[in-house]
Protein backbone atom coordinates (compact mmCIF):
# COMPACT_ATOMS: atom_id res chain seq x y z
CA MET A 1 80.82 99.38 117.75
CA ARG A 2 83.46 97.79 119.48
CA ALA A 3 85.95 100.80 118.96
CA ILE A 4 83.56 103.86 120.03
CA PHE A 5 82.95 102.38 123.31
CA THR A 6 86.31 101.62 123.75
CA ALA A 7 87.28 105.72 123.01
CA LEU A 8 84.21 106.45 125.40
CA LEU A 9 85.54 104.31 128.29
CA GLY A 10 88.73 106.15 128.45
CA ALA A 11 91.04 104.88 126.11
CA ALA A 12 93.23 107.22 124.34
CA LEU A 13 92.51 108.34 120.86
CA ILE A 14 95.95 107.82 119.22
CA VAL A 15 96.12 107.91 115.46
CA PRO A 16 98.55 105.93 113.56
CA SER A 17 100.22 107.11 110.86
CA LEU A 18 98.83 105.18 107.90
CA SER A 19 100.05 103.82 104.47
CA ALA A 20 97.52 103.14 101.54
CA SER A 21 98.64 99.67 101.97
CA ALA A 22 98.42 99.63 105.47
CA ALA A 23 94.66 101.32 105.27
CA GLN A 24 92.89 98.96 103.25
CA THR A 25 91.43 95.46 103.74
CA ALA A 26 93.20 92.80 101.86
CA CYS A 27 90.52 91.72 99.01
CA ASP A 28 90.58 88.14 97.54
CA GLU A 29 90.58 87.74 94.01
CA GLY A 30 87.36 87.86 92.16
CA GLU A 31 85.83 90.48 94.79
CA GLN A 32 85.18 93.57 92.98
CA LYS A 33 86.70 96.50 95.20
CA ILE A 34 84.90 99.21 96.23
CA ARG A 35 87.11 102.11 97.06
CA PHE A 36 86.04 104.49 100.00
CA SER A 37 88.17 107.72 100.54
CA HIS A 38 88.17 110.05 102.89
CA VAL A 39 90.68 112.65 104.83
CA VAL A 40 89.82 111.88 108.72
CA ALA A 41 91.77 109.23 111.09
CA ASP A 42 90.46 105.90 110.97
CA LYS A 43 90.27 105.61 114.96
CA GLY A 44 88.75 108.44 117.56
CA HIS A 45 86.75 109.89 114.74
CA PRO A 46 83.06 109.76 113.89
CA LYS A 47 84.02 109.14 109.65
CA GLY A 48 86.54 107.15 110.56
CA GLU A 49 84.95 104.86 112.99
CA ALA A 50 81.68 104.47 110.72
CA ALA A 51 83.91 104.22 107.58
CA ALA A 52 85.75 101.12 108.96
CA GLU A 53 82.45 99.73 110.15
CA PHE A 54 80.64 99.89 107.30
CA ALA A 55 83.56 98.53 105.34
CA ALA A 56 83.70 95.59 107.87
CA ARG A 57 79.85 94.54 107.78
CA VAL A 58 79.73 94.55 103.57
CA ASN A 59 82.89 92.69 103.46
CA ALA A 60 81.46 90.18 106.09
CA THR A 61 77.91 89.88 104.17
CA PHE A 62 79.43 89.61 100.81
CA GLU A 63 82.25 87.67 101.50
CA GLY A 64 83.73 86.57 98.23
CA ARG A 65 82.05 89.06 95.89
CA TYR A 66 82.45 92.84 97.31
CA CYS A 67 85.29 93.82 99.47
CA VAL A 68 85.58 97.51 100.57
CA GLU A 69 88.76 99.34 101.02
CA VAL A 70 88.86 102.28 103.31
CA TYR A 71 91.65 104.79 102.48
CA PRO A 72 91.59 107.04 105.41
CA SER A 73 93.92 109.81 106.08
CA SER A 74 94.06 111.38 102.15
CA THR A 75 96.17 108.41 101.17
CA LEU A 76 93.61 108.16 97.94
CA PHE A 77 92.42 111.56 97.30
CA SER A 78 92.08 115.06 99.43
CA ASP A 79 88.14 115.95 99.46
CA ASP A 80 89.24 119.11 96.87
CA ASP A 81 89.80 115.64 94.13
CA VAL A 82 87.32 113.20 95.21
CA LEU A 83 84.53 114.54 93.29
CA ASP A 84 85.97 114.58 90.17
CA ALA A 85 87.89 111.29 90.75
CA LEU A 86 84.29 109.85 92.18
CA VAL A 87 82.62 110.88 88.22
CA ALA A 88 85.82 109.23 86.76
CA GLY A 89 85.30 106.27 88.18
CA ASP A 90 89.15 106.11 89.83
CA VAL A 91 86.61 105.47 93.33
CA GLU A 92 83.42 104.47 93.96
CA MET A 93 82.62 105.90 97.43
CA ALA A 94 83.42 109.00 99.37
CA ALA A 95 82.15 111.00 102.43
CA PRO A 96 83.55 114.78 101.83
CA SER A 97 82.47 117.57 103.92
CA LEU A 98 79.27 119.17 102.78
CA SER A 99 81.43 122.01 101.92
CA LYS A 100 82.69 120.63 98.56
CA PHE A 101 80.11 120.45 97.11
CA GLU A 102 78.97 124.07 96.17
CA THR A 103 80.76 123.75 93.16
CA TYR A 104 78.14 120.99 91.87
CA THR A 105 74.84 122.63 93.76
CA LEU A 106 74.57 125.97 95.74
CA ALA A 107 71.84 124.44 97.77
CA PHE A 108 74.77 122.74 99.86
CA ARG A 109 75.91 126.30 101.19
CA ILE A 110 72.65 125.97 103.60
CA PHE A 111 75.27 123.91 105.96
CA ASP A 112 77.78 126.77 106.13
CA LEU A 113 75.62 129.44 107.39
CA PRO A 114 77.35 130.56 110.69
CA PHE A 115 74.78 130.19 113.58
CA LEU A 116 71.14 128.79 111.62
CA PHE A 117 71.33 125.52 113.46
CA GLU A 118 71.41 125.56 117.32
CA ASP A 119 72.74 122.14 117.65
CA ILE A 120 73.57 118.70 116.12
CA ALA A 121 69.76 117.42 116.78
CA ALA A 122 68.85 120.14 114.76
CA VAL A 123 70.94 119.38 112.13
CA GLU A 124 69.61 115.82 112.37
CA ARG A 125 65.54 117.41 111.56
CA PHE A 126 66.99 119.27 108.98
CA GLN A 127 68.59 116.76 107.05
CA THR A 128 66.25 113.95 107.79
CA SER A 129 63.46 116.06 106.63
CA PRO A 130 61.41 116.08 102.91
CA ALA A 131 64.01 119.13 102.11
CA GLY A 132 67.08 117.46 103.88
CA GLU A 133 66.65 114.54 101.93
CA ALA A 134 65.66 116.20 98.41
CA MET A 135 69.39 117.07 98.44
CA LYS A 136 70.99 113.80 98.82
CA SER A 137 69.53 113.39 95.00
CA SER A 138 70.45 116.97 93.45
CA MET A 139 73.87 116.08 92.03
CA ARG A 140 72.38 113.28 90.51
CA ASP A 141 72.73 114.66 86.93
CA ARG A 142 76.64 115.02 87.32
CA GLY A 143 77.26 111.49 88.05
CA ILE A 144 76.79 111.98 91.98
CA LEU A 145 74.27 110.33 94.39
CA GLY A 146 74.29 111.16 97.86
CA LEU A 147 73.15 107.85 100.21
CA ALA A 148 73.35 109.26 103.50
CA TYR A 149 74.50 111.75 105.63
CA TRP A 150 77.49 111.25 108.31
CA HIS A 151 77.51 113.48 111.58
CA ASN A 152 81.36 114.93 112.90
CA GLY A 153 79.19 118.06 114.87
CA MET A 154 79.40 121.56 115.59
CA LYS A 155 82.43 124.06 115.00
CA GLN A 156 84.76 125.43 117.37
CA MET A 157 86.96 128.27 116.67
CA SER A 158 91.08 128.67 117.30
CA ALA A 159 93.60 130.74 116.74
CA ASN A 160 97.78 131.78 118.10
CA ARG A 161 95.77 134.33 120.50
CA PRO A 162 92.65 134.28 123.07
CA LEU A 163 89.40 134.46 120.70
CA LYS A 164 86.71 135.49 123.18
CA ALA A 165 84.68 138.90 120.97
CA PRO A 166 84.30 138.75 116.99
CA GLU A 167 86.73 141.93 117.08
CA ASP A 168 89.69 139.31 118.44
CA ALA A 169 89.90 137.46 115.10
CA ALA A 170 90.55 140.69 112.96
CA GLY A 171 93.59 140.78 110.93
CA LEU A 172 94.34 136.99 111.80
CA LYS A 173 94.17 134.53 108.55
CA PHE A 174 92.19 131.54 109.66
CA ARG A 175 92.41 128.19 107.16
CA ILE A 176 88.79 127.76 105.46
CA GLN A 177 87.38 124.89 103.15
CA SER A 178 87.04 125.84 99.70
CA SER A 179 83.44 127.76 100.58
CA ASP A 180 82.51 131.60 99.71
CA VAL A 181 80.02 130.98 102.54
CA LEU A 182 83.11 130.13 104.99
CA ASP A 183 84.84 133.61 103.08
CA ALA A 184 82.32 135.23 104.09
CA GLN A 185 81.93 134.54 107.50
CA PHE A 186 86.07 135.45 107.98
CA ARG A 187 85.77 138.36 105.89
CA ALA A 188 82.54 139.70 108.03
CA LEU A 189 85.14 139.23 110.83
CA GLY A 190 87.61 141.27 109.42
CA ALA A 191 89.56 138.25 109.17
CA GLU A 192 91.19 137.11 105.62
CA PRO A 193 90.19 133.72 105.01
CA VAL A 194 92.65 131.11 103.26
CA LYS A 195 91.42 127.97 101.25
CA LEU A 196 93.64 124.98 102.63
CA ALA A 197 93.33 121.01 102.06
CA PHE A 198 92.73 119.54 105.80
CA LYS A 199 95.94 117.43 105.25
CA ASP A 200 97.61 120.61 105.17
CA VAL A 201 95.97 122.49 108.04
CA TYR A 202 98.52 120.97 110.80
CA ASP A 203 101.26 122.05 109.06
CA ALA A 204 100.32 125.68 107.85
CA LEU A 205 99.04 126.47 111.92
CA GLY A 206 102.75 125.57 112.52
CA ASP A 207 104.74 127.49 109.77
CA GLY A 208 102.41 130.67 110.08
CA ARG A 209 100.74 130.47 106.37
CA VAL A 210 97.48 130.61 109.03
CA GLN A 211 96.86 131.73 112.64
CA GLY A 212 93.61 130.48 112.79
CA GLN A 213 91.00 127.65 111.88
CA GLU A 214 87.58 126.48 113.08
CA ASN A 215 86.96 122.87 113.57
CA THR A 216 85.54 120.53 115.45
CA TRP A 217 86.51 118.83 118.45
CA THR A 218 87.66 115.92 117.22
CA ASN A 219 89.20 116.85 114.06
CA ILE A 220 91.30 119.74 116.21
CA TYR A 221 92.05 116.81 118.74
CA THR A 222 92.80 113.77 116.47
CA LYS A 223 95.01 116.17 113.94
CA LYS A 224 96.54 118.15 117.14
CA PHE A 225 95.85 121.43 115.74
CA TYR A 226 94.98 122.62 119.62
CA THR A 227 98.81 121.82 120.08
CA ARG A 228 99.86 125.19 117.23
CA GLN A 229 97.14 127.11 119.14
CA ASP A 230 96.68 129.58 121.86
CA GLY A 231 93.25 127.61 122.82
CA VAL A 232 89.99 126.26 121.48
CA THR A 233 86.99 128.88 121.87
CA GLU A 234 83.42 126.90 122.34
CA THR A 235 81.35 129.19 119.54
CA ASN A 236 79.22 125.94 118.12
CA HIS A 237 78.75 128.66 115.33
CA GLY A 238 78.71 125.78 112.33
CA ILE A 239 78.53 122.30 111.64
CA ILE A 240 80.75 119.81 109.94
CA ASP A 241 79.08 116.71 108.58
CA TYR A 242 79.73 114.59 105.52
CA LEU A 243 77.64 113.17 102.70
CA VAL A 244 78.37 109.66 102.00
CA ILE A 245 78.23 109.68 97.94
CA VAL A 246 78.87 107.53 95.04
CA SER A 247 79.46 107.13 91.40
CA ARG A 248 75.71 107.15 90.07
CA ASP A 249 77.17 104.75 87.02
CA TRP A 250 78.84 102.46 89.75
CA TRP A 251 75.95 101.98 92.16
CA GLU A 252 73.11 101.91 89.33
CA GLY A 253 74.90 99.01 87.66
CA LEU A 254 74.86 96.60 90.99
CA PRO A 255 72.36 94.52 90.65
CA ALA A 256 69.36 95.33 92.75
CA ALA A 257 69.51 92.80 95.61
CA ASP A 258 73.34 93.75 95.83
CA ARG A 259 72.44 97.62 95.73
CA ALA A 260 69.47 97.03 98.71
CA GLY A 261 71.60 94.98 100.92
CA ILE A 262 74.77 97.29 100.93
CA GLY A 263 71.96 100.37 101.10
CA GLN A 264 70.57 99.06 104.24
CA ILE A 265 74.01 97.76 105.77
CA LEU A 266 74.88 102.11 105.12
CA VAL A 267 71.38 102.92 107.01
CA GLU A 268 71.94 100.75 110.12
CA VAL A 269 75.94 102.26 110.19
CA SER A 270 74.70 105.74 109.56
CA HIS A 271 72.42 105.70 112.76
CA GLU A 272 74.00 103.70 114.63
CA TYR A 273 77.61 105.67 114.68
CA ASN A 274 75.33 109.48 114.12
CA ARG A 275 74.13 108.67 117.50
CA PHE A 276 78.04 108.42 119.07
CA SER A 277 79.36 110.95 117.28
CA PHE A 278 78.41 113.95 120.14
CA GLU A 279 79.92 111.78 122.73
CA LEU A 280 83.10 111.13 120.51
CA ASN A 281 83.34 115.08 120.44
CA GLU A 282 82.92 115.40 124.12
CA LEU A 283 85.65 112.70 124.80
CA ALA A 284 87.80 114.60 122.34
CA LYS A 285 87.19 117.97 124.06
CA MET A 286 88.11 116.31 127.58
CA ARG A 287 91.37 114.67 126.03
CA ILE A 288 92.45 118.45 124.67
CA LEU A 289 91.76 119.57 128.65
CA GLU A 290 93.71 116.63 129.69
CA ASN A 291 96.64 117.56 127.42
CA GLY A 292 96.93 121.39 128.80
CA GLY A 293 94.66 122.95 125.63
CA ALA A 294 92.85 125.74 126.92
CA VAL A 295 89.31 126.10 126.24
CA ARG A 296 87.37 128.97 126.19
CA ARG A 297 83.55 129.29 126.55
CA LEU A 298 81.78 132.63 125.40
CA THR A 299 79.52 134.65 128.01
CA LYS A 300 75.99 135.19 127.26
CA GLY A 301 76.72 138.45 126.07
CA ASN A 302 80.00 137.56 124.04
CA ARG A 303 77.99 135.24 122.33
CA GLU A 304 75.68 137.45 121.22
CA LYS A 305 77.93 140.06 119.55
CA TRP A 306 79.28 137.02 117.52
CA VAL A 307 75.72 135.94 116.43
CA ASP A 308 75.09 139.71 115.44
CA VAL A 309 77.94 140.09 113.35
CA LEU A 310 78.06 136.74 111.38
CA THR A 311 74.10 135.97 110.59
CA PRO A 312 73.78 139.04 108.15
CA VAL A 313 76.00 136.42 106.08
CA TRP A 314 72.76 134.60 105.37
CA ARG A 315 71.57 137.27 103.52
CA GLN A 316 74.30 137.56 101.02
CA PHE A 317 73.53 133.72 99.94
CA GLU A 318 69.94 133.68 100.31
CA ASN A 319 68.65 134.01 96.48
CA GLU A 320 71.22 130.93 95.64
CA ILE A 321 70.27 128.58 98.68
CA GLY A 322 66.80 129.48 98.59
CA ALA A 323 64.79 131.51 101.50
CA SER A 324 62.19 128.28 101.86
CA LEU A 325 65.52 125.86 102.26
CA ILE A 326 67.13 128.54 104.86
CA GLU A 327 62.87 128.61 106.42
CA ALA A 328 62.92 124.83 106.53
CA ALA A 329 66.70 124.29 108.16
CA LEU A 330 65.53 127.39 110.87
CA ALA A 331 61.91 125.30 111.00
CA SER A 332 64.32 122.54 112.78
CA ASN A 333 65.59 124.37 115.24
CA ARG A 334 62.02 124.52 116.68
CA ARG A 335 61.40 121.14 118.47
C-alpha cells in the first residue's frame, strides 16, 4: 500500500515511459511465469497500483514457484486484443475494462448504461450482489473466468469546447471504447462516436481525429488528456471498472492449494485497493486543477437535462442485458 499512501500524501503522479522489459519482474529459472497484461500506467492509477501489489505479494509468497510479470501501458497487449490472447494461452491474467466483454456476453453492457449508478458505492453493492457475482462466470464456456472486480471510478466528459448542456456535445467526435452502448450514448447527444484503443487517445485528441472523450479522473490525469482539451465536465455519468480475468484452462490446471493461495491474495488486494480508488481519482482531479486544467461542475438543472437525454438509451439494450439485471443494478442505488 506504500505507493497509494505516498500519492495521497501529495506526491506528484509521474508516469514513466516503460518498456516491456522494464515493466516486468525478473523471474528466476524454474519459476512458472504468470503474465499479467493491462493498459494503464503502473503508478498513480488504481489498476496499475493494484496489479503491482498483487504481483509483489504473489512473488513473495510463492518465491521459487510462481512469478507474476506485470506489463502495464499496453506493452504486451491492448484491451482489444487481450481476450483472444488469454484464450490462446499467450497471457495468463488481464484486467480489461468491463466494456470489452460485450463480444463474449451482452450482460456486461449493463456497466455502460449512462446514469444507471449513482456513485461508486452503488457499483460496489451491485458487483458484490448475487447478480454481480454470477457475471464473473458468464464467460466460462468461452475459456475466460472472472475473479475480481477492480474499481477505477466514475466517468467524466471532456472536449475541445465547454460541455455544460447536452447540446454542447453535438457535432463533435468523441473517442469511445468498443461498445455499442457507448456508441448509442453519444449518438443520443448528436455526437459522432469513434472507437479507438486507449493507447491511441492522447494522439487522437492532438491530431483532431477526435475532439472529445470520456474517462475517469485518473485516466485523464495520468495520460494527460486534459492538456489537449478545453476542460473536463464532472458528469459522473458512468463508470470505468475492470474485471480481473484468467485463462480458464490455466487457472483450473493449477494445484488446488496454489489456486486457493493466489486467489486469496487477489481477494485481499482487491479489497484494499478498491477502497482507495475514490481517493486516487480525487487526487487526480486536484492535480488537473493545480496544473491549470479546467474542471466544470453541472448545475442541478443542467444535470437533469443530461439525464433526460441519455437514460432512454437503457431501453435500446434492455432485452439484451435483461430487465431483471437492470432492476438489480437500480436496487443498488437504494441504501
